Amino acid sequence: MPLSMASALHRGEIHRAVARRVSNAITSRAVSEMAITDVTGSVQLLGAMCPDRAANV
């Protein structure tokens, strides 16, 4: 295999790995933000449903 072809393949692999990492980072960040929103939403819901329990905590 010619060297230029090998380096092109290698560059493609690096590019794919970087793209995968970036998309994973974006996905995990979106998921964690959704989870935080979910938790705060449920806490507010619980507080609205049973205010006496929320006051005791």
PDB file of N, CA and C in Angstrom:
ATOM      1  N   MET A   1       0.853  -1.194   0.000  1.00  0.00           N
ATOM      2  CA  MET A   1       0.000   0.000   0.000  1.00  0.00           C
ATOM      3  C   MET A   1       0.889   1.244   0.000  1.00  0.00           C
ATOM      4  N   PRO A   2       0.615   2.189  -0.859  1.00  0.00           N
ATOM      5  CA  PRO A   2       1.419   3.424  -0.889  1.00  0.00           C
ATOM      6  C   PRO A   2       1.301   4.190   0.427  1.00  0.00           C
ATOM      7  N   LEU A   3       2.346   4.902   0.752  1.00  0.00           N
ATOM      8  CA  LEU A   3       2.384   5.622   2.022  1.00  0.00           C
ATOM      9  C   LEU A   3       1.276   6.667   2.108  1.00  0.00           C
ATOM     10  N   SER A   4       1.033   7.377   0.994  1.00  0.00           N
ATOM     11  CA  SER A   4       0.012   8.426   1.016  1.00  0.00           C
ATOM     12  C   SER A   4      -1.367   7.840   1.320  1.00  0.00           C
ATOM     13  N   MET A   5      -1.628   6.649   0.772  1.00  0.00           N
ATOM     14  CA  MET A   5      -2.910   6.008   1.027  1.00  0.00           C
ATOM     15  C   MET A   5      -3.026   5.612   2.496  1.00  0.00           C
ATOM     16  N   ALA A   6      -1.922   5.124   3.050  1.00  0.00           N
ATOM     17  CA  ALA A   6      -1.921   4.726   4.454  1.00  0.00           C
ATOM     18  C   ALA A   6      -2.168   5.932   5.351  1.00  0.00           C
ATOM     19  N   SER A   7      -1.519   7.047   5.053  1.00  0.00           N
ATOM     20  CA  SER A   7      -1.705   8.226   5.889  1.00  0.00           C
ATOM     21  C   SER A   7      -3.116   8.784   5.734  1.00  0.00           C
ATOM     22  N   ALA A   8      -3.680   8.686   4.520  1.00  0.00           N
ATOM     23  CA  ALA A   8      -5.053   9.140   4.317  1.00  0.00           C
ATOM     24  C   ALA A   8      -6.015   8.287   5.136  1.00  0.00           C
ATOM     25  N   LEU A   9      -5.783   6.972   5.132  1.00  0.00           N
ATOM     26  CA  LEU A   9      -6.617   6.076   5.932  1.00  0.00           C
ATOM     27  C   LEU A   9      -6.488   6.420   7.409  1.00  0.00           C
ATOM     28  N   HIS A  10      -5.246   6.650   7.836  1.00  0.00           N
ATOM     29  CA  HIS A  10      -4.988   6.972   9.232  1.00  0.00           C
ATOM     30  C   HIS A  10      -5.697   8.265   9.622  1.00  0.00           C
ATOM     31  N   ARG A  11      -5.600   9.266   8.748  1.00  0.00           N
ATOM     32  CA  ARG A  11      -6.283  10.536   9.014  1.00  0.00           C
ATOM     33  C   ARG A  11      -7.785  10.322   9.133  1.00  0.00           C
ATOM     34  N   GLY A  12      -8.337   9.491   8.260  1.00  0.00           N
ATOM     35  CA  GLY A  12      -9.771   9.201   8.314  1.00  0.00           C
ATOM     36  C   GLY A  12     -10.160   8.564   9.633  1.00  0.00           C
ATOM     37  N   GLU A  13      -9.321   7.645  10.114  1.00  0.00           N
ATOM     38  CA  GLU A  13      -9.596   6.992  11.391  1.00  0.00           C
ATOM     39  C   GLU A  13      -9.569   8.004  12.528  1.00  0.00           C
ATOM     40  N   ILE A  14      -8.553   8.873  12.511  1.00  0.00           N
ATOM     41  CA  ILE A  14      -8.445   9.899  13.550  1.00  0.00           C
ATOM     42  C   ILE A  14      -9.677  10.796  13.507  1.00  0.00           C
ATOM     43  N   HIS A  15     -10.042  11.209  12.292  1.00  0.00           N
ATOM     44  CA  HIS A  15     -11.200  12.083  12.141  1.00  0.00           C
ATOM     45  C   HIS A  15     -12.453  11.416  12.697  1.00  0.00           C
ATOM     46  N   ARG A  16     -12.614  10.135  12.380  1.00  0.00           N
ATOM     47  CA  ARG A  16     -13.794   9.417  12.865  1.00  0.00           C
ATOM     48  C   ARG A  16     -13.784   9.312  14.383  1.00  0.00           C
ATOM     49  N   ALA A  17     -12.609   9.035  14.956  1.00  0.00           N
ATOM     50  CA  ALA A  17     -12.507   8.911  16.406  1.00  0.00           C
ATOM     51  C   ALA A  17     -12.839  10.237  17.083  1.00  0.00           C
ATOM     52  N   VAL A  18     -12.318  11.319  16.526  1.00  0.00           N
ATOM     53  CA  VAL A  18     -12.590  12.643  17.100  1.00  0.00           C
ATOM     54  C   VAL A  18     -14.078  12.960  16.994  1.00  0.00           C
ATOM     55  N   ALA A  19     -14.661  12.694  15.832  1.00  0.00           N
ATOM     56  CA  ALA A  19     -16.091  12.964  15.641  1.00  0.00           C
ATOM     57  C   ALA A  19     -16.920  12.152  16.629  1.00  0.00           C
ATOM     58  N   ARG A  20     -16.511  10.899  16.845  1.00  0.00           N
ATOM     59  CA  ARG A  20     -17.252  10.055  17.785  1.00  0.00           C
ATOM     60  C   ARG A  20     -17.157  10.622  19.190  1.00  0.00           C
ATOM     61  N   ARG A  21     -15.946  11.071  19.561  1.00  0.00           N
ATOM     62  CA  ARG A  21     -15.769  11.636  20.901  1.00  0.00           C
ATOM     63  C   ARG A  21     -16.617  12.878  21.086  1.00  0.00           C
ATOM     64  N   VAL A  22     -16.600  13.743  20.072  1.00  0.00           N
ATOM     65  CA  VAL A  22     -17.363  14.990  20.166  1.00  0.00           C
ATOM     66  C   VAL A  22     -18.849  14.683  20.303  1.00  0.00           C
ATOM     67  N   SER A  23     -19.357  13.769  19.490  1.00  0.00           N
ATOM     68  CA  SER A  23     -20.788  13.456  19.550  1.00  0.00           C
ATOM     69  C   SER A  23     -21.128  12.798  20.885  1.00  0.00           C
ATOM     70  N   ASN A  24     -20.233  11.980  21.419  1.00  0.00           N
ATOM     71  CA  ASN A  24     -20.467  11.371  22.729  1.00  0.00           C
ATOM     72  C   ASN A  24     -20.516  12.434  23.809  1.00  0.00           C
ATOM     73  N   ALA A  25     -19.615  13.407  23.733  1.00  0.00           N
ATOM     74  CA  ALA A  25     -19.592  14.476  24.726  1.00  0.00           C
ATOM     75  C   ALA A  25     -20.884  15.281  24.666  1.00  0.00           C
ATOM     76  N   ILE A  26     -21.325  15.599  23.448  1.00  0.00           N
ATOM     77  CA  ILE A  26     -22.567  16.360  23.293  1.00  0.00           C
ATOM     78  C   ILE A  26     -23.737  15.555  23.839  1.00  0.00           C
ATOM     79  N   THR A  27     -23.775  14.265  23.520  1.00  0.00           N
ATOM     80  CA  THR A  27     -24.880  13.418  23.973  1.00  0.00           C
ATOM     81  C   THR A  27     -24.893  13.328  25.490  1.00  0.00           C
ATOM     82  N   SER A  28     -23.744  13.066  26.103  1.00  0.00           N
ATOM     83  CA  SER A  28     -23.711  12.910  27.553  1.00  0.00           C
ATOM     84  C   SER A  28     -24.078  14.218  28.242  1.00  0.00           C
ATOM     85  N   ARG A  29     -23.658  15.345  27.659  1.00  0.00           N
ATOM     86  CA  ARG A  29     -24.000  16.630  28.254  1.00  0.00           C
ATOM     87  C   ARG A  29     -25.504  16.875  28.166  1.00  0.00           C
ATOM     88  N   ALA A  30     -26.087  16.563  27.005  1.00  0.00           N
ATOM     89  CA  ALA A  30     -27.530  16.733  26.833  1.00  0.00           C
ATOM     90  C   ALA A  30     -28.280  15.840  27.811  1.00  0.00           C
ATOM     91  N   VAL A  31     -27.813  14.602  27.964  1.00  0.00           N
ATOM     92  CA  VAL A  31     -28.481  13.671  28.871  1.00  0.00           C
ATOM     93  C   VAL A  31     -28.381  14.171  30.303  1.00  0.00           C
ATOM     94  N   SER A  32     -27.216  14.651  30.723  1.00  0.00           N
ATOM     95  CA  SER A  32     -27.067  15.127  32.095  1.00  0.00           C
ATOM     96  C   SER A  32     -27.914  16.371  32.330  1.00  0.00           C
ATOM     97  N   GLU A  33     -27.986  17.269  31.330  1.00  0.00           N
ATOM     98  CA  GLU A  33     -28.836  18.448  31.482  1.00  0.00           C
ATOM     99  C   GLU A  33     -30.297  18.037  31.592  1.00  0.00           C
ATOM    100  N   MET A  34     -30.714  17.055  30.792  1.00  0.00           N
ATOM    101  CA  MET A  34     -32.087  16.566  30.870  1.00  0.00           C
ATOM    102  C   MET A  34     -32.350  15.951  32.235  1.00  0.00           C
ATOM    103  N   ALA A  35     -31.385  15.206  32.760  1.00  0.00           N
ATOM    104  CA  ALA A  35     -31.549  14.564  34.059  1.00  0.00           C
ATOM    105  C   ALA A  35     -31.678  15.617  35.150  1.00  0.00           C
ATOM    106  N   ILE A  36     -30.861  16.665  35.084  1.00  0.00           N
ATOM    107  CA  ILE A  36     -30.933  17.747  36.073  1.00  0.00           C
ATOM    108  C   ILE A  36     -32.310  18.404  36.005  1.00  0.00           C
ATOM    109  N   THR A  37     -32.778  18.699  34.799  1.00  0.00           N
ATOM    110  CA  THR A  37     -34.100  19.301  34.634  1.00  0.00           C
ATOM    111  C   THR A  37     -35.167  18.372  35.187  1.00  0.00           C
ATOM    112  N   ASP A  38     -35.018  17.083  34.923  1.00  0.00           N
ATOM    113  CA  ASP A  38     -35.968  16.088  35.401  1.00  0.00           C
ATOM    114  C   ASP A  38     -36.030  16.084  36.921  1.00  0.00           C
ATOM    115  N   VAL A  39     -34.869  16.079  37.546  1.00  0.00           N
ATOM    116  CA  VAL A  39     -34.809  16.027  39.011  1.00  0.00           C
ATOM    117  C   VAL A  39     -35.444  17.277  39.601  1.00  0.00           C
ATOM    118  N   THR A  40     -35.094  18.453  39.106  1.00  0.00           N
ATOM    119  CA  THR A  40     -35.664  19.685  39.657  1.00  0.00           C
ATOM    120  C   THR A  40     -37.163  19.719  39.420  1.00  0.00           C
ATOM    121  N   GLY A  41     -37.598  19.247  38.255  1.00  0.00           N
ATOM    122  CA  GLY A  41     -39.035  19.207  37.963  1.00  0.00           C
ATOM    123  C   GLY A  41     -39.768  18.299  38.927  1.00  0.00           C
ATOM    124  N   SER A  42     -39.217  17.112  39.214  1.00  0.00           N
ATOM    125  CA  SER A  42     -39.894  16.188  40.120  1.00  0.00           C
ATOM    126  C   SER A  42     -39.875  16.734  41.539  1.00  0.00           C
ATOM    127  N   VAL A  43     -38.803  17.386  41.920  1.00  0.00           N
ATOM    128  CA  VAL A  43     -38.730  17.961  43.269  1.00  0.00           C
ATOM    129  C   VAL A  43     -39.819  19.015  43.425  1.00  0.00           C
ATOM    130  N   GLN A  44     -39.979  19.872  42.417  1.00  0.00           N
ATOM    131  CA  GLN A  44     -41.017  20.894  42.474  1.00  0.00           C
ATOM    132  C   GLN A  44     -42.397  20.244  42.514  1.00  0.00           C
ATOM    133  N   LEU A  45     -42.578  19.199  41.709  1.00  0.00           N
ATOM    134  CA  LEU A  45     -43.865  18.493  41.689  1.00  0.00           C
ATOM    135  C   LEU A  45     -44.164  17.905  43.059  1.00  0.00           C
ATOM    136  N   LEU A  46     -43.191  17.242  43.651  1.00  0.00           N
ATOM    137  CA  LEU A  46     -43.378  16.635  44.967  1.00  0.00           C
ATOM    138  C   LEU A  46     -43.709  17.706  46.000  1.00  0.00           C
ATOM    139  N   GLY A  47     -43.003  18.815  45.939  1.00  0.00           N
ATOM    140  CA  GLY A  47     -43.257  19.903  46.879  1.00  0.00           C
ATOM    141  C   GLY A  47     -44.665  20.452  46.724  1.00  0.00           C
ATOM    142  N   ALA A  48     -45.152  20.537  45.493  1.00  0.00           N
ATOM    143  CA  ALA A  48     -46.489  21.058  45.252  1.00  0.00           C
ATOM    144  C   ALA A  48     -47.550  20.064  45.715  1.00  0.00           C
ATOM    145  N   MET A  49     -47.261  18.767  45.574  1.00  0.00           N
ATOM    146  CA  MET A  49     -48.258  17.751  45.923  1.00  0.00           C
ATOM    147  C   MET A  49     -48.388  17.591  47.434  1.00  0.00           C
ATOM    148  N   CYS A  50     -47.259  17.569  48.148  1.00  0.00           N
ATOM    149  CA  CYS A  50     -47.331  17.378  49.599  1.00  0.00           C
ATOM    150  C   CYS A  50     -46.461  18.431  50.285  1.00  0.00           C
ATOM    151  N   PRO A  51     -46.994  19.614  50.497  1.00  0.00           N
ATOM    152  CA  PRO A  51     -46.205  20.711  51.077  1.00  0.00           C
ATOM    153  C   PRO A  51     -45.754  20.435  52.510  1.00  0.00           C
ATOM    154  N   ASP A  52     -46.544  19.682  53.295  1.00  0.00           N
ATOM    155  CA  ASP A  52     -46.139  19.430  54.684  1.00  0.00           C
ATOM    156  C   ASP A  52     -44.896  18.552  54.734  1.00  0.00           C
ATOM    157  N   ARG A  53     -44.800  17.557  53.837  1.00  0.00           N
ATOM    158  CA  ARG A  53     -43.601  16.718  53.782  1.00  0.00           C
ATOM    159  C   ARG A  53     -42.399  17.551  53.353  1.00  0.00           C
ATOM    160  N   ALA A  54     -42.590  18.416  52.373  1.00  0.00           N
ATOM    161  CA  ALA A  54     -41.498  19.248  51.884  1.00  0.00           C
ATOM    162  C   ALA A  54     -41.015  20.176  52.997  1.00  0.00           C
ATOM    163  N   ALA A  55     -41.932  20.655  53.833  1.00  0.00           N
ATOM    164  CA  ALA A  55     -41.560  21.561  54.922  1.00  0.00           C
ATOM    165  C   ALA A  55     -40.754  20.812  55.982  1.00  0.00           C
ATOM    166  N   ASN A  56     -41.100  19.548  56.235  1.00  0.00           N
ATOM    167  CA  ASN A  56     -40.377  18.756  57.228  1.00  0.00           C
ATOM    168  C   ASN A  56     -38.957  18.462  56.777  1.00  0.00           C
ATOM    169  N   VAL A  57     -38.763  18.282  55.470  1.00  0.00           N
ATOM    170  CA  VAL A  57     -37.433  17.975  54.935  1.00  0.00           C
ATOM    171  C   VAL A  57     -36.635  19.236  54.870  1.00  0.00           C
TER     172      VAL A  57
END
